[in-house]
């Protein structure tokens, strides 16, 4: 049973209301196997719209002026009996509603993996994780940067397509060379003029330098563009950003991007590492670091086109 009862108090009292639109095509969360029996996963109150509004009202006695609407797009749990693994796919977005016009705040779009051999009570662990994600997402949405492109309520189902039309890194015929401190500057194609890419005599990138020719912490940077190609700052150095029919991606893994805690780190990083922040969850020793664990299975890790956060599919 998934309980939504964690603290979602808006500490700055900016929010007047919190509502939810459930657009899930499949309302069935899925089943898990626990102690040889099938466990049907459910929310403790399946009237999610009313439950979220009541939850918010209970934690927020002092209210502000912002009306926040969440779009619950997917919550799906898959269990694989032959491997003992379970996956949870969650996709949820938030908007500020201003007189019927919706302005995008944030999005969480990720898949979490659980191993029943390492998790004694996997239904309880997954329930707790879903509750953590939703409450953290709500708290993050209270003070998150808001995009300026309005979306009408009737067009909410197409919000991604509408917003991407105003993302310069998507619409520009060629990316602007330079260093980008965060995803916001990258999405607007406005590199930081006071930084540049430092190279050694062989032309290999050694890191980011400031106007005093001093190396700066690569973890403070989102990435850079050179000769029309974009590179993302990661714990294993700068990785090229590629594109296929599903979107933008780097070739990496949870373990590389969040070496301390590949599941929880990815959960938190995907929520807070986007439009404002650079890299969350791990420090980078050097921009030129390329020593990668040969035993790590690499795959496409997509980059959310609206937030810059990592989207794990495995």
Protein backbone atom coordinates (compact mmCIF):
# COMPACT_ATOMS: atom_id res chain seq x y z
CA UNK A 1 0.00 0.00 0.00
CA UNK A 2 1.50 3.32 -1.10
CA UNK A 3 0.82 6.03 1.46
CA UNK A 4 1.10 9.70 0.57
CA UNK A 5 1.63 11.16 4.02
CA UNK A 6 5.12 12.66 4.10
CA UNK A 7 5.69 16.33 4.82
CA UNK A 8 4.88 18.59 1.85
CA UNK A 9 4.73 21.90 3.70
CA UNK A 10 5.72 24.86 1.54
CA UNK A 11 8.26 26.45 3.88
CA UNK A 12 7.98 29.80 2.12
CA UNK A 13 4.16 29.74 2.04
CA UNK A 14 4.07 30.67 -1.66
CA UNK A 15 1.52 28.07 -2.72
CA UNK A 16 -2.25 28.50 -2.47
CA UNK A 17 -3.35 25.16 -3.86
CA UNK A 18 -2.03 21.85 -5.18
CA UNK A 19 -4.13 19.84 -7.61
CA UNK A 20 -3.53 16.71 -9.66
CA UNK A 21 -4.61 15.64 -13.13
CA UNK A 22 -4.26 11.88 -13.57
CA UNK A 23 -3.52 11.22 -17.25
CA UNK A 24 -2.24 7.66 -16.84
CA UNK A 25 -3.39 5.41 -19.66
CA UNK A 26 -3.26 2.44 -17.28
CA UNK A 27 -4.32 3.02 -13.67
CA UNK A 28 -3.22 -0.50 -12.62
CA UNK A 29 0.12 -0.07 -10.82
CA UNK A 30 1.17 -3.70 -11.26
CA UNK A 31 1.98 -6.67 -9.04
CA UNK A 32 5.01 -7.95 -7.13
CA UNK A 33 5.94 -11.38 -5.84
CA UNK A 34 6.62 -11.44 -2.10
CA UNK A 35 7.16 -14.68 -0.16
CA UNK A 36 5.81 -16.64 -3.10
CA UNK A 37 2.56 -14.68 -3.36
CA UNK A 38 1.32 -12.03 -5.77
CA UNK A 39 0.95 -8.60 -4.17
CA UNK A 40 -1.24 -6.06 -5.95
CA UNK A 41 0.28 -2.60 -5.53
CA UNK A 42 -2.15 0.23 -4.81
CA UNK A 43 -2.31 3.74 -3.44
CA UNK A 44 -3.88 3.86 0.02
CA UNK A 45 -6.47 6.23 -1.44
CA UNK A 46 -7.09 5.68 -5.14
CA UNK A 47 -8.99 8.96 -5.50
CA UNK A 48 -5.64 10.64 -6.07
CA UNK A 49 -6.99 14.07 -7.02
CA UNK A 50 -8.92 14.45 -3.77
CA UNK A 51 -6.17 12.76 -1.77
CA UNK A 52 -3.44 15.15 -3.00
CA UNK A 53 -5.60 18.21 -2.34
CA UNK A 54 -6.38 17.00 1.19
CA UNK A 55 -2.73 16.09 1.77
CA UNK A 56 -1.61 19.59 0.77
CA UNK A 57 -4.31 21.32 2.85
CA UNK A 58 -3.32 19.32 5.92
CA UNK A 59 0.34 20.34 5.71
CA UNK A 60 -0.19 23.96 4.61
CA UNK A 61 -2.26 26.09 6.95
CA UNK A 62 -0.64 29.32 5.73
CA UNK A 63 -1.06 29.73 1.99
CA UNK A 64 0.36 31.97 -0.73
CA UNK A 65 -0.76 32.88 -4.25
CA UNK A 66 0.54 30.09 -6.51
CA UNK A 67 -1.80 27.43 -7.86
CA UNK A 68 0.27 24.35 -8.72
CA UNK A 69 -1.05 21.54 -10.89
CA UNK A 70 0.66 18.17 -11.20
CA UNK A 71 0.25 15.94 -14.22
CA UNK A 72 0.59 12.27 -13.23
CA UNK A 73 1.57 10.61 -16.50
CA UNK A 74 2.78 7.17 -15.45
CA UNK A 75 3.35 4.95 -12.42
CA UNK A 76 4.04 1.36 -13.42
CA UNK A 77 5.63 -1.50 -11.49
CA UNK A 78 7.10 -4.49 -13.32
CA UNK A 79 8.34 -7.67 -11.66
CA UNK A 80 10.59 -10.31 -13.22
CA UNK A 81 10.31 -13.56 -11.27
CA UNK A 82 13.17 -15.32 -13.04
CA UNK A 83 15.69 -12.62 -12.06
CA UNK A 84 14.20 -11.35 -8.80
CA UNK A 85 14.32 -7.81 -10.16
CA UNK A 86 11.56 -5.22 -10.10
CA UNK A 87 11.34 -1.89 -11.89
CA UNK A 88 9.25 1.18 -11.20
CA UNK A 89 8.59 3.68 -13.97
CA UNK A 90 7.39 7.10 -12.79
CA UNK A 91 6.61 10.16 -14.86
CA UNK A 92 5.11 13.28 -13.32
CA UNK A 93 5.28 16.97 -14.21
CA UNK A 94 4.25 20.18 -12.47
CA UNK A 95 2.92 23.54 -13.63
CA UNK A 96 1.84 26.88 -12.20
CA UNK A 97 -1.71 27.67 -13.27
CA UNK A 98 -2.19 31.37 -13.97
CA UNK A 99 -5.69 32.19 -15.19
CA UNK A 100 -5.97 29.01 -17.23
CA UNK A 101 -2.46 29.21 -18.65
CA UNK A 102 -0.03 26.57 -17.40
CA UNK A 103 3.67 27.32 -17.01
CA UNK A 104 6.03 24.36 -16.71
CA UNK A 105 7.90 23.98 -13.42
CA UNK A 106 9.56 20.58 -13.34
CA UNK A 107 9.37 16.95 -14.38
CA UNK A 108 10.44 13.60 -12.96
CA UNK A 109 10.74 10.87 -15.59
CA UNK A 110 12.68 7.84 -14.50
CA UNK A 111 12.91 4.13 -13.88
CA UNK A 112 14.13 2.71 -10.57
CA UNK A 113 15.47 -0.82 -10.18
CA UNK A 114 15.12 -3.08 -7.14
CA UNK A 115 16.65 -6.47 -6.39
CA UNK A 116 14.53 -8.74 -4.20
CA UNK A 117 17.67 -10.61 -3.14
CA UNK A 118 19.00 -7.41 -1.57
CA UNK A 119 15.64 -6.05 -0.40
CA UNK A 120 13.89 -8.26 2.19
CA UNK A 121 10.46 -6.62 1.80
CA UNK A 122 10.35 -5.36 -1.76
CA UNK A 123 6.68 -4.18 -1.75
CA UNK A 124 7.37 -2.00 1.29
CA UNK A 125 10.62 -0.65 -0.21
CA UNK A 126 8.96 0.24 -3.51
CA UNK A 127 5.97 1.83 -1.74
CA UNK A 128 8.32 3.96 0.35
CA UNK A 129 10.36 4.98 -2.71
CA UNK A 130 7.28 6.07 -4.66
CA UNK A 131 6.10 8.08 -1.66
CA UNK A 132 9.56 9.67 -1.32
CA UNK A 133 9.68 10.61 -4.99
CA UNK A 134 6.23 12.20 -5.06
CA UNK A 135 6.72 14.17 -1.83
CA UNK A 136 10.22 15.31 -2.88
CA UNK A 137 8.90 16.31 -6.29
CA UNK A 138 6.14 18.40 -4.73
CA UNK A 139 8.55 20.13 -2.34
CA UNK A 140 10.96 20.81 -5.21
CA UNK A 141 8.15 22.31 -7.31
CA UNK A 142 7.31 25.00 -4.76
CA UNK A 143 10.44 27.03 -5.49
CA UNK A 144 11.68 25.69 -8.83
CA UNK A 145 12.44 27.85 -11.86
CA UNK A 146 9.40 28.29 -14.13
CA UNK A 147 9.53 28.32 -17.93
CA UNK A 148 7.97 31.34 -19.62
CA UNK A 149 6.04 29.54 -22.38
CA UNK A 150 2.32 29.19 -21.53
CA UNK A 151 0.38 26.00 -22.26
CA UNK A 152 -3.42 25.97 -22.37
CA UNK A 153 -5.22 23.33 -20.32
CA UNK A 154 -6.63 21.71 -23.47
CA UNK A 155 -3.05 21.36 -24.77
CA UNK A 156 -1.47 19.92 -21.62
CA UNK A 157 -1.22 16.47 -23.18
CA UNK A 158 1.12 17.99 -25.78
CA UNK A 159 3.09 20.20 -23.39
CA UNK A 160 6.47 18.69 -24.25
CA UNK A 161 6.11 19.34 -27.98
CA UNK A 162 4.93 22.90 -27.32
CA UNK A 163 7.76 23.72 -24.91
CA UNK A 164 10.48 22.16 -27.06
CA UNK A 165 9.64 24.64 -29.83
CA UNK A 166 11.10 27.34 -27.58
CA UNK A 167 14.23 25.43 -26.56
CA UNK A 168 17.07 26.94 -28.59
CA UNK A 169 19.36 23.94 -28.15
CA UNK A 170 16.70 21.93 -30.00
CA UNK A 171 15.57 24.46 -32.60
CA UNK A 172 18.90 26.14 -33.47
CA UNK A 173 20.53 24.82 -36.66
CA UNK A 174 23.91 24.84 -34.90
CA UNK A 175 24.93 24.86 -31.24
CA UNK A 176 26.93 27.81 -29.92
CA UNK A 177 30.50 26.96 -28.90
CA UNK A 178 31.44 27.62 -25.28
CA UNK A 179 31.12 26.47 -21.67
CA UNK A 180 27.70 26.18 -20.03
CA UNK A 181 27.36 26.41 -16.27
CA UNK A 182 23.86 24.90 -16.05
CA UNK A 183 21.13 23.43 -18.20
CA UNK A 184 19.22 26.72 -18.33
CA UNK A 185 22.12 28.46 -20.08
CA UNK A 186 22.56 25.43 -22.36
CA UNK A 187 18.87 25.31 -23.30
CA UNK A 188 18.97 29.04 -24.09
CA UNK A 189 22.33 28.65 -25.88
CA UNK A 190 24.01 31.33 -23.76
CA UNK A 191 27.52 30.11 -22.84
CA UNK A 192 29.51 31.69 -19.99
CA UNK A 193 31.99 34.06 -21.59
CA UNK A 194 34.32 34.00 -18.57
CA UNK A 195 35.07 30.28 -19.00
CA UNK A 196 36.73 28.26 -21.73
CA UNK A 197 37.93 24.71 -22.35
CA UNK A 198 41.57 24.09 -21.44
CA UNK A 199 43.63 21.67 -23.52
CA UNK A 200 47.12 20.20 -23.29
CA UNK A 201 49.74 20.30 -26.04
CA UNK A 202 48.21 17.24 -27.67
CA UNK A 203 44.85 18.95 -27.91
CA UNK A 204 43.24 16.82 -25.22
CA UNK A 205 40.69 18.51 -22.96
CA UNK A 206 42.08 18.88 -19.44
CA UNK A 207 39.18 20.80 -17.92
CA UNK A 208 37.46 24.17 -17.72
CA UNK A 209 39.47 27.35 -17.11
CA UNK A 210 38.37 30.79 -15.97
CA UNK A 211 39.48 34.21 -17.22
CA UNK A 212 42.56 33.97 -14.96
CA UNK A 213 43.63 30.79 -16.76
CA UNK A 214 42.92 28.72 -13.64
CA UNK A 215 41.20 25.34 -13.71
CA UNK A 216 37.77 25.33 -12.06
CA UNK A 217 35.84 22.41 -10.62
CA UNK A 218 34.24 20.57 -13.50
CA UNK A 219 31.36 19.54 -11.25
CA UNK A 220 30.24 23.18 -11.28
CA UNK A 221 29.71 23.04 -15.05
CA UNK A 222 26.93 21.47 -17.09
CA UNK A 223 29.09 20.93 -20.15
CA UNK A 224 30.48 22.57 -23.25
CA UNK A 225 30.03 22.80 -27.02
CA UNK A 226 32.89 22.62 -29.49
CA UNK A 227 32.62 22.47 -33.28
CA UNK A 228 28.86 22.01 -32.99
CA UNK A 229 29.11 18.99 -30.67
CA UNK A 230 27.87 19.07 -27.08
CA UNK A 231 29.60 17.34 -24.16
CA UNK A 232 28.10 16.66 -20.71
CA UNK A 233 30.11 16.91 -17.51
CA UNK A 234 30.09 13.57 -15.62
CA UNK A 235 32.18 11.83 -12.93
CA UNK A 236 34.13 10.05 -15.71
CA UNK A 237 34.84 13.19 -17.69
CA UNK A 238 33.03 14.95 -20.50
CA UNK A 239 30.80 12.60 -22.51
CA UNK A 240 29.44 13.49 -25.93
CA UNK A 241 25.71 14.17 -26.15
CA UNK A 242 24.18 12.28 -29.06
CA UNK A 243 20.65 12.17 -30.46
CA UNK A 244 18.39 9.43 -31.79
CA UNK A 245 14.66 9.18 -32.47
CA UNK A 246 13.95 9.04 -28.71
CA UNK A 247 15.93 12.14 -27.80
CA UNK A 248 19.31 13.27 -26.49
CA UNK A 249 21.56 10.86 -24.61
CA UNK A 250 25.02 10.03 -23.34
CA UNK A 251 26.48 6.52 -23.17
CA UNK A 252 26.94 5.75 -19.48
CA UNK A 253 25.30 3.99 -16.51
CA UNK A 254 23.79 4.63 -13.08
CA UNK A 255 27.00 3.39 -11.47
CA UNK A 256 29.16 5.86 -13.40
CA UNK A 257 26.90 8.86 -12.86
CA UNK A 258 26.03 8.10 -9.23
CA UNK A 259 28.83 5.87 -7.91
CA UNK A 260 27.92 6.26 -4.24
CA UNK A 261 24.33 5.12 -4.57
CA UNK A 262 23.24 4.27 -8.07
CA UNK A 263 19.51 3.99 -7.29
CA UNK A 264 18.84 6.66 -4.67
CA UNK A 265 21.38 8.96 -6.27
CA UNK A 266 19.65 8.69 -9.61
CA UNK A 267 16.29 9.30 -7.97
CA UNK A 268 17.44 12.50 -6.27
CA UNK A 269 19.68 13.64 -9.10
CA UNK A 270 16.93 13.34 -11.67
CA UNK A 271 14.79 15.57 -9.52
CA UNK A 272 17.25 18.28 -8.56
CA UNK A 273 20.03 18.17 -11.15
CA UNK A 274 18.22 19.75 -14.04
CA UNK A 275 17.47 23.29 -15.04
CA UNK A 276 19.21 25.02 -12.12
CA UNK A 277 21.94 22.69 -11.00
CA UNK A 278 24.91 21.15 -12.68
CA UNK A 279 25.96 17.72 -11.48
CA UNK A 280 24.31 16.22 -8.38
CA UNK A 281 25.46 13.14 -6.52
CA UNK A 282 29.15 12.83 -7.29
CA UNK A 283 32.30 14.90 -7.44
CA UNK A 284 34.51 15.05 -10.51
CA UNK A 285 38.25 14.94 -10.02
CA UNK A 286 39.17 16.21 -13.45
CA UNK A 287 37.49 17.19 -16.67
CA UNK A 288 39.89 14.96 -18.55
CA UNK A 289 39.22 11.87 -16.46
CA UNK A 290 38.54 8.94 -18.77
CA UNK A 291 39.32 5.83 -16.72
CA UNK A 292 36.09 3.86 -16.91
CA UNK A 293 35.35 0.55 -15.25
CA UNK A 294 35.52 -2.09 -17.96
CA UNK A 295 32.99 -4.22 -16.06
CA UNK A 296 30.31 -1.53 -16.07
CA UNK A 297 27.48 -2.16 -18.52
CA UNK A 298 26.92 0.99 -20.53
CA UNK A 299 23.73 2.03 -22.28
CA UNK A 300 21.90 5.11 -23.50
CA UNK A 301 21.13 7.45 -20.60
CA UNK A 302 18.72 10.04 -21.94
CA UNK A 303 18.67 13.71 -21.00
CA UNK A 304 15.30 15.25 -20.26
CA UNK A 305 14.76 17.90 -22.93
CA UNK A 306 12.91 20.19 -20.50
CA UNK A 307 15.00 19.85 -17.34
CA UNK A 308 18.39 18.49 -18.36
CA UNK A 309 18.08 15.66 -15.83
CA UNK A 310 19.13 12.09 -16.55
CA UNK A 311 16.41 9.66 -17.60
CA UNK A 312 17.32 6.05 -16.82
CA UNK A 313 15.49 3.30 -18.64
CA UNK A 314 17.31 0.42 -16.95
